[in-house]
Protein backbone atom coordinates (compact mmCIF):
# COMPACT_ATOMS: atom_id res chain seq x y z
CA MET A 1 15.15 -38.71 20.62
CA GLY A 2 11.38 -39.12 19.77
CA GLY A 3 10.30 -37.55 22.77
CA TYR A 4 12.97 -34.55 21.76
CA LYS A 5 11.16 -34.37 18.40
CA GLU A 6 7.54 -34.21 19.74
CA VAL A 7 8.62 -31.45 21.84
CA HIS A 8 10.12 -29.42 18.90
CA THR A 9 6.80 -30.01 17.08
CA ARG A 10 4.70 -29.10 19.57
CA THR A 11 6.80 -25.74 20.23
CA GLN A 12 6.71 -25.14 16.29
CA GLY A 13 3.06 -25.21 16.41
CA ILE A 14 2.75 -22.83 19.06
CA LYS A 15 5.09 -20.28 17.04
CA ARG A 16 2.90 -20.83 13.93
CA LEU A 17 -0.33 -19.85 15.95
CA PHE A 18 0.86 -16.27 17.00
CA VAL A 19 3.25 -15.32 13.85
CA LEU A 20 -0.15 -14.64 11.40
CA PRO A 21 -1.90 -12.35 14.13
CA ALA A 22 1.30 -10.92 14.14
CA VAL A 23 1.49 -10.13 10.19
CA VAL A 24 -2.05 -8.83 10.25
CA LEU A 25 -1.55 -6.44 13.44
CA VAL A 26 1.39 -5.22 11.90
CA GLN A 27 0.34 -4.88 8.51
CA SER A 28 -2.81 -2.95 9.92
CA CYS A 29 -0.40 -0.58 11.39
CA LEU A 30 1.73 -0.07 8.35
CA GLY A 31 -1.30 0.39 6.09
CA GLY A 32 -2.57 3.74 7.96
CA LEU A 33 -0.47 5.39 5.06
CA TYR A 34 -4.42 5.33 3.14
CA ALA A 35 -5.77 7.44 6.09
CA TRP A 36 -3.47 9.85 4.69
CA SER A 37 -6.53 12.25 3.32
CA ALA A 38 -8.03 12.41 6.66
CA PHE A 39 -4.47 14.09 7.81
CA ALA A 40 -4.32 16.56 4.79
CA PRO A 41 -7.19 19.22 5.96
CA ALA A 42 -5.45 19.22 9.32
CA LEU A 43 -2.27 20.08 8.24
CA GLN A 44 -3.35 22.62 5.47
CA LYS A 45 -5.34 24.19 8.53
CA ASP A 46 -3.05 23.94 11.49
CA PHE A 47 0.49 24.21 9.48
CA GLY A 48 -1.06 26.16 6.72
CA TYR A 49 0.03 23.48 3.63
CA THR A 50 -1.62 23.83 0.55
CA ALA A 51 -3.25 20.57 -0.82
CA GLY A 52 -0.04 20.28 -3.32
CA GLN A 53 2.35 20.46 -0.14
CA THR A 54 0.31 17.45 1.63
CA GLN A 55 0.20 15.11 -1.16
CA LEU A 56 3.96 15.72 -2.15
CA ILE A 57 4.41 14.55 1.47
CA PHE A 58 2.19 11.46 0.89
CA GLY A 59 3.31 10.80 -2.61
CA PHE A 60 6.94 10.73 -1.12
CA SER A 61 6.08 8.26 1.40
CA VAL A 62 4.83 5.95 -1.25
CA ALA A 63 7.70 6.46 -3.30
CA VAL A 64 10.41 5.90 -0.18
CA PHE A 65 8.50 3.19 0.83
CA THR A 66 8.35 1.24 -2.49
CA LEU A 67 12.46 1.29 -3.56
CA SER A 68 12.79 0.30 0.35
CA MET A 69 11.33 -3.22 -0.42
CA VAL A 70 14.18 -4.02 -2.68
CA PHE A 71 16.89 -3.27 0.16
CA ALA A 72 14.26 -4.85 2.70
CA GLY A 73 14.56 -8.65 0.30
CA ARG A 74 18.17 -8.29 1.05
CA LEU A 75 18.27 -6.79 4.70
CA LEU A 76 16.07 -9.75 5.34
CA GLN A 77 18.49 -12.58 4.60
CA THR A 78 20.80 -11.15 7.03
CA TRP A 79 19.07 -9.76 9.72
CA GLY A 80 15.76 -11.64 10.15
CA ALA A 81 12.23 -10.55 10.17
CA ARG A 82 11.92 -9.90 13.49
CA ARG A 83 14.76 -7.65 13.64
CA LEU A 84 13.73 -5.96 10.72
CA THR A 85 10.38 -5.36 11.92
CA PHE A 86 11.54 -4.00 15.00
CA LEU A 87 13.20 -1.41 13.23
CA SER A 88 10.72 -0.39 11.26
CA GLY A 89 8.55 0.43 14.21
CA LEU A 90 11.64 2.36 15.18
CA LEU A 91 11.84 4.32 12.52
CA PHE A 92 8.03 4.67 11.89
CA ALA A 93 7.90 6.04 15.72
CA ALA A 94 11.12 8.49 14.92
CA GLY A 95 9.13 9.80 11.63
CA TYR A 96 6.05 10.97 13.33
CA LEU A 97 7.69 12.43 16.26
CA THR A 98 10.05 14.46 14.16
CA SER A 99 6.96 15.85 12.32
CA SER A 100 5.05 16.36 15.48
CA PHE A 101 8.14 18.36 17.04
CA SER A 102 8.70 20.26 13.69
CA ALA A 103 6.78 23.18 14.19
CA GLY A 104 5.38 23.15 10.66
CA LYS A 105 8.29 23.47 8.93
CA PHE A 106 7.91 21.66 5.68
CA LEU A 107 11.11 19.77 5.16
CA TRP A 108 11.09 18.63 8.55
CA VAL A 109 7.65 17.06 8.53
CA LEU A 110 8.66 15.57 4.85
CA ALA A 111 11.91 13.92 6.06
CA GLY A 112 9.62 12.28 8.75
CA LEU A 113 6.83 11.47 7.12
CA GLY A 114 8.23 10.61 3.87
CA LEU A 115 11.88 9.22 4.31
CA LEU A 116 11.46 7.58 7.67
CA VAL A 117 8.22 6.40 8.19
CA GLY A 118 8.48 5.32 3.98
CA THR A 119 11.27 3.63 4.76
CA SER A 120 9.50 2.03 7.98
CA ILE A 121 6.38 0.89 5.66
CA GLY A 122 8.94 -0.94 3.01
CA PHE A 123 11.11 -3.01 5.39
CA GLY A 124 8.02 -3.79 7.40
CA TYR A 125 5.67 -4.75 4.60
CA VAL A 126 8.72 -7.46 3.24
CA ALA A 127 9.57 -8.67 6.53
CA ALA A 128 6.10 -9.60 7.79
CA LEU A 129 4.71 -10.92 4.90
CA THR A 130 7.37 -13.03 3.39
CA THR A 131 7.55 -14.24 7.05
CA ALA A 132 3.75 -15.60 6.98
CA ILE A 133 4.45 -17.01 3.79
CA GLN A 134 7.41 -18.85 5.04
CA TRP A 135 5.52 -20.20 7.82
CA TYR A 136 2.75 -21.33 5.65
CA PRO A 137 4.32 -22.60 2.58
CA LYS A 138 1.10 -24.45 1.74
CA HIS A 139 -1.70 -21.86 2.02
CA LYS A 140 0.75 -18.90 0.08
CA GLY A 141 -2.16 -17.76 -1.53
CA VAL A 142 -4.88 -17.39 1.51
CA VAL A 143 -2.11 -15.80 3.62
CA ALA A 144 -0.47 -13.21 1.24
CA GLY A 145 -4.43 -12.41 1.00
CA ALA A 146 -5.00 -12.04 4.55
CA ALA A 147 -1.54 -10.17 4.96
CA VAL A 148 -2.29 -7.35 2.13
CA ALA A 149 -5.76 -7.18 3.13
CA GLY A 150 -4.43 -6.29 7.15
CA PHE A 151 -2.45 -3.59 5.34
CA GLY A 152 -5.77 -2.56 3.54
CA ALA A 153 -7.54 -2.46 5.99
CA GLY A 154 -5.17 -0.36 8.22
CA ALA A 155 -6.82 2.98 7.15
CA ILE A 156 -10.41 1.98 8.71
CA LEU A 157 -8.20 2.39 12.06
CA LEU A 158 -6.50 5.36 11.57
CA SER A 159 -8.93 7.21 9.52
CA SER A 160 -11.65 6.63 12.32
CA MET A 161 -9.69 7.18 15.08
CA ILE A 162 -7.88 10.71 13.46
CA ALA A 163 -11.92 11.90 13.39
CA VAL A 164 -12.24 11.22 16.84
CA LEU A 165 -9.43 13.15 18.28
CA LEU A 166 -10.10 15.78 15.97
CA HIS A 167 -13.32 15.89 17.18
CA ASN A 168 -12.33 16.03 20.80
CA GLY A 169 -9.94 18.81 20.70
CA PHE A 170 -6.88 17.41 19.13
CA THR A 171 -4.60 19.63 17.13
CA VAL A 172 -2.20 17.66 14.44
CA THR A 173 0.56 18.30 16.39
CA ASP A 174 -0.96 15.87 19.20
CA LEU A 175 -2.14 13.58 16.42
CA LEU A 176 1.17 12.88 15.20
CA LEU A 177 2.63 12.06 18.69
CA ALA A 178 -0.55 9.82 19.32
CA VAL A 179 0.10 7.52 16.17
CA GLY A 180 3.80 7.89 16.61
CA LEU A 181 4.00 6.34 19.81
CA GLY A 182 0.76 3.94 19.98
CA TYR A 183 1.64 2.24 16.00
CA GLY A 184 5.47 2.46 16.94
CA VAL A 185 5.05 0.61 20.25
CA ILE A 186 2.19 -1.98 18.42
CA ILE A 187 4.65 -2.48 15.37
CA CYS A 188 7.90 -3.20 17.93
CA SER A 189 5.46 -5.96 19.88
CA GLY A 190 4.27 -7.61 16.35
CA ALA A 191 8.01 -8.53 15.91
CA VAL A 192 8.65 -10.32 18.70
CA PHE A 193 6.42 -12.84 17.37
CA LEU A 194 7.92 -13.10 13.92
CA PHE A 195 9.53 -16.13 14.78
CA HIS A 196 12.14 -17.61 12.39
CA PRO A 197 10.41 -19.98 10.24
CA PRO A 198 11.36 -23.72 10.42
CA SER A 199 13.71 -23.62 7.15
CA THR A 200 14.30 -20.52 5.45
CA PRO A 201 14.78 -20.55 1.09
CA VAL A 202 18.06 -20.55 -0.38
CA PRO A 203 18.70 -16.77 -1.53
CA LEU A 204 17.41 -16.05 -5.22
CA LYS A 205 19.84 -14.83 -7.81
CA HIS A 206 20.31 -11.30 -8.92
CA VAL A 207 17.82 -10.71 -11.42
CA ALA A 208 19.65 -7.95 -14.16
CA MET A 209 17.46 -5.06 -14.94
CA ASN A 210 18.40 -4.93 -18.43
CA VAL A 211 17.70 -8.54 -19.40
CA LEU A 212 13.74 -7.74 -17.65
CA LEU A 213 13.58 -4.48 -19.81
CA GLN A 214 14.04 -6.62 -23.19
CA ASP A 215 10.60 -8.51 -21.62
CA ARG A 216 7.74 -7.02 -23.28
CA LEU A 217 5.12 -8.29 -20.33
CA PHE A 218 7.94 -6.70 -17.74
CA ARG A 219 7.18 -3.52 -19.23
CA LYS A 220 3.41 -4.10 -19.69
CA LEU A 221 3.16 -5.34 -15.71
CA ALA A 222 5.42 -2.30 -15.05
CA THR A 223 3.01 -0.07 -16.81
CA GLY A 224 -0.29 -1.40 -15.85
CA ILE A 225 0.74 -1.23 -12.09
CA PHE A 226 1.89 2.69 -12.73
CA CYS A 227 -1.55 3.44 -14.24
CA GLY A 228 -3.72 1.79 -11.56
CA THR A 229 -1.65 3.26 -8.59
CA PHE A 230 -1.56 6.97 -10.00
CA ALA A 231 -5.19 6.58 -10.23
CA GLY A 232 -5.86 5.11 -6.98
CA LEU A 233 -3.20 7.09 -4.75
CA LEU A 234 -4.41 10.06 -6.60
CA VAL A 235 -7.81 9.67 -5.27
CA ILE A 236 -7.01 8.38 -1.48
CA GLY A 237 -4.33 11.18 -1.39
CA ASN A 238 -7.11 13.60 -1.94
CA LEU A 239 -10.23 11.56 -0.78
CA LYS A 240 -10.94 13.92 2.14
CA PRO A 241 -10.76 17.44 0.90
CA LEU A 242 -12.07 15.94 -2.78
CA ALA A 243 -15.59 14.37 -0.74
CA MET A 244 -15.80 17.82 0.80
CA ASP A 245 -15.19 19.73 -2.17
CA CYS A 246 -18.21 17.79 -3.90
CA GLY A 247 -20.75 18.63 -0.56
CA VAL A 248 -20.15 16.06 1.98
CA SER A 249 -19.73 16.84 5.54
CA SER A 250 -16.34 16.22 7.23
CA ILE A 251 -18.13 13.33 9.08
CA THR A 252 -19.30 11.84 5.69
CA ALA A 253 -16.13 12.56 4.02
CA THR A 254 -14.50 10.79 6.36
CA ALA A 255 -16.44 8.02 6.22
CA ALA A 256 -15.23 7.41 2.53
CA ILE A 257 -12.25 6.67 3.26
CA SER A 258 -13.41 3.97 5.50
CA PHE A 259 -15.50 2.85 2.27
CA PHE A 260 -12.32 3.20 0.30
CA ALA A 261 -10.02 0.78 2.62
CA VAL A 262 -13.46 -1.38 2.69
CA GLY A 263 -13.60 -1.88 -1.13
CA ASN A 264 -9.45 -1.84 -1.03
CA THR A 265 -9.40 -4.89 1.24
CA ALA A 266 -12.22 -6.53 -0.50
CA GLY A 267 -10.80 -5.92 -3.54
CA ARG A 268 -7.14 -7.45 -2.82
CA LEU A 269 -8.81 -10.48 -2.19
CA GLY A 270 -11.56 -10.48 -4.89
CA TRP A 271 -9.39 -9.53 -7.80
CA GLY A 272 -6.92 -12.31 -6.15
CA TRP A 273 -9.85 -15.38 -6.64
CA PHE A 274 -10.27 -13.90 -10.36
CA PHE A 275 -6.95 -14.55 -11.53
CA ASP A 276 -6.85 -17.65 -10.61
CA HIS A 277 -10.19 -18.38 -12.17
CA PHE A 278 -9.33 -16.13 -15.49
CA GLY A 279 -5.64 -15.53 -15.61
CA TYR A 280 -4.22 -12.48 -17.45
CA PRO A 281 -7.32 -10.58 -19.14
CA VAL A 282 -8.14 -10.15 -15.24
CA ILE A 283 -5.50 -7.44 -15.54
CA PRO A 284 -7.04 -5.07 -17.94
CA ALA A 285 -9.96 -5.56 -16.51
CA SER A 286 -9.46 -4.28 -13.50
CA LEU A 287 -8.11 -1.03 -15.01
CA PHE A 288 -10.86 -1.04 -16.90
CA PHE A 289 -13.16 -1.06 -13.53
CA LEU A 290 -11.13 1.40 -11.47
CA CYS A 291 -11.57 3.78 -14.79
CA GLY A 292 -15.56 3.39 -14.66
CA ALA A 293 -15.36 3.67 -10.93
CA LEU A 294 -13.66 7.03 -11.38
CA ILE A 295 -16.09 8.50 -13.60
CA LEU A 296 -19.04 7.72 -11.10
CA LEU A 297 -17.02 9.27 -8.56
CA VAL A 298 -16.95 12.33 -10.94
CA VAL A 299 -20.63 11.92 -11.57
CA ALA A 300 -21.09 11.84 -7.36
CA ARG A 301 -20.15 15.38 -7.27
CA PHE A 302 -24.00 15.75 -8.31
CA GLN A 303 -25.08 12.96 -6.52
CA PRO A 304 -23.03 13.10 -2.83
CA ALA A 305 -25.58 10.94 -1.17
CA ILE A 306 -23.68 8.16 -3.32
CA PHE A 307 -20.28 9.13 -2.74
CA SER A 308 -19.28 6.84 -0.43
CA VAL A 309 -20.48 4.15 -2.63
CA CYS A 310 -17.95 5.44 -5.49
CA ALA A 311 -15.63 5.57 -3.05
CA LEU A 312 -15.65 1.67 -1.97
CA GLY A 313 -15.95 0.98 -6.05
CA VAL A 314 -12.31 3.24 -6.55
CA GLY A 315 -10.76 1.27 -3.42
CA PHE A 316 -11.88 -1.88 -4.92
CA GLY A 317 -10.33 -1.71 -8.27
CA PHE A 318 -7.21 0.18 -6.30
CA GLY A 319 -6.90 -3.05 -4.71
CA ALA A 320 -6.35 -5.36 -7.86
CA CYS A 321 -2.86 -3.39 -8.48
CA PHE A 322 -1.34 -5.39 -5.26
CA VAL A 323 -2.32 -8.59 -6.15
CA VAL A 324 -2.78 -9.49 -9.96
CA TYR A 325 0.66 -7.92 -10.97
CA ALA A 326 2.48 -10.39 -8.59
CA ALA A 327 0.58 -13.35 -9.61
CA GLN A 328 1.32 -12.63 -13.06
CA VAL A 329 4.97 -12.50 -12.05
CA ALA A 330 4.67 -15.88 -10.48
CA LEU A 331 3.37 -17.61 -13.40
CA ARG A 332 5.25 -15.99 -16.03
CA TYR A 333 9.01 -16.09 -14.34
CA GLY A 334 8.17 -18.98 -11.48
CA ALA A 335 7.21 -18.27 -7.82
CA ASP A 336 10.64 -18.47 -6.77
CA HIS A 337 11.61 -15.33 -8.27
CA VAL A 338 8.61 -13.07 -7.22
CA ALA A 339 10.84 -11.67 -4.41
CA ASN A 340 13.42 -10.73 -6.69
CA ILE A 341 11.61 -9.58 -9.97
CA TYR A 342 8.15 -8.45 -8.00
CA PRO A 343 10.22 -5.23 -6.33
CA LEU A 344 11.48 -4.43 -9.43
CA ILE A 345 8.07 -4.07 -10.67
CA PHE A 346 6.28 -2.62 -8.24
CA ILE A 347 8.67 0.31 -8.53
CA ALA A 348 6.13 1.65 -10.69
CA ASN A 349 3.69 2.19 -7.97
CA GLY A 350 6.76 4.24 -6.03
CA VAL A 351 6.83 6.66 -9.19
CA ALA A 352 3.06 6.57 -9.37
CA GLY A 353 2.77 8.18 -6.11
CA LEU A 354 5.62 10.58 -6.28
CA ILE A 355 3.62 12.42 -9.38
CA GLY A 356 -0.25 11.03 -9.38
CA PRO A 357 -0.74 12.86 -5.38
CA PRO A 358 0.93 15.65 -6.08
CA MET A 359 -0.52 15.88 -9.37
CA GLY A 360 -3.82 15.74 -7.62
CA GLY A 361 -3.53 18.53 -5.33
CA TYR A 362 -1.41 20.76 -7.28
CA LEU A 363 -4.32 20.92 -10.07
CA TYR A 364 -6.58 21.57 -7.37
CA ASP A 365 -4.64 24.77 -6.57
CA VAL A 366 -4.45 25.96 -9.40
CA THR A 367 -8.08 24.92 -11.11
CA GLY A 368 -10.41 25.16 -7.64
CA SER A 369 -11.90 22.09 -8.59
CA TYR A 370 -11.05 18.35 -8.18
CA VAL A 371 -12.78 17.67 -11.70
CA TRP A 372 -9.53 17.94 -13.42
CA PRO A 373 -7.41 15.61 -11.02
CA LEU A 374 -10.00 12.95 -11.66
CA ALA A 375 -9.84 13.57 -15.65
CA THR A 376 -6.53 13.23 -15.22
CA ALA A 377 -6.66 9.45 -13.36
CA ILE A 378 -8.81 8.57 -15.80
CA ALA A 379 -6.98 9.90 -18.93
CA VAL A 380 -3.99 8.02 -17.43
CA LEU A 381 -6.23 4.61 -16.94
CA ALA A 382 -7.26 4.56 -20.50
CA ILE A 383 -3.21 4.86 -21.49
CA GLY A 384 -3.04 1.65 -18.58
CA ILE A 385 -5.96 -0.21 -20.68
CA LEU A 386 -4.70 0.03 -23.77
CA SER A 387 -0.88 -0.93 -22.83
CA THR A 388 -2.32 -4.49 -21.51
CA PHE A 389 -5.28 -5.27 -23.26
CA THR A 390 -3.62 -8.58 -24.81
CA ASN A 391 -0.77 -10.61 -24.19
CA ASN A 392 0.52 -12.63 -26.34
CA ASP A 393 3.39 -13.88 -24.66
CA HIS A 394 3.43 -17.48 -23.05
CA PRO A 395 4.57 -18.33 -19.34
CA LYS A 396 7.81 -19.11 -19.37
CA LEU A 397 10.45 -18.38 -17.22
CA ILE A 398 13.74 -15.74 -18.63
CA ASP A 399 16.54 -18.04 -19.00
CA ASN A 400 19.31 -15.25 -17.54
CA CYS A 401 17.57 -14.88 -14.08
């Protein structure tokens, strides 16, 4: 009996070593979503799309990604992480292939990159992140940080790859085909190593939305994450054309996407550390930081040399949106309720994605300048700062949860 336990423990230890790298690999592929602005000019050139159309695709993908997270949590309990992530890989490939063979028809591209890929990201994100936390229960913060940092870093690799392929004569159709097949295979391969954890938490009770809406802090958190992600998604969705509008070369504009991704990755780790030490005040502080970075981005219209640095700052501020609100949910409602409550707050991110990037593209189409989109983002952030500035609520668990 002792020998069996020893072998079992050793086997579990070996599996544990593979889980976190697989999670980071899957998240990095899914995080290529934030390389969207590298795709946007190619879609406009090859398919004749307007800036508003390209950003509608991106915003719709973010919205579907957010909403699918709610369903992913329920599927995870019955399907398991491996099968759910494998489905994510298949949907990812199907979405890009559908767009590749669409002949530029907008509704097909919207369905492929928006609906199918958005659903893929939501399923894979929840499955991978949850599995990592279950395997490392004593290191939730570090593991969650590494996983979401992988998601943030995914844009660096994909934007660089897109730049190289476009430079070598690839069309946008070729890009969609290559990304769909390559990333689809990688995600499905990563799913193989998402082993069932040694122990699975007891399923949580359903949380009634009407109960949460009565809680003032819940409304503040939803408002804050909406305002922060509205601004961040507006910028990342339009970043490359925005940079070129400021007089930055195409190569430097693509590099700005990587700078944004580096800042986003660092922000997901850094703001988590700030929250652990200072608590709730970090939330309005992060929105204030992001607002300041956007103001500098407006100034960068006259100083192209500092554009990439400003993009890094925006990425750093944006990264807070995916850490501080989840941490505050755990503090307010209890860690056991994060899986139920945080996706409901995160819906605000989906709404922001559906509104922010398309609005940025539309305002550019109308005005011929990205000053007005950036001014709109700054105004929304100001509302977020005022809405979240104070917190008079004491952390406690909602009794009805």
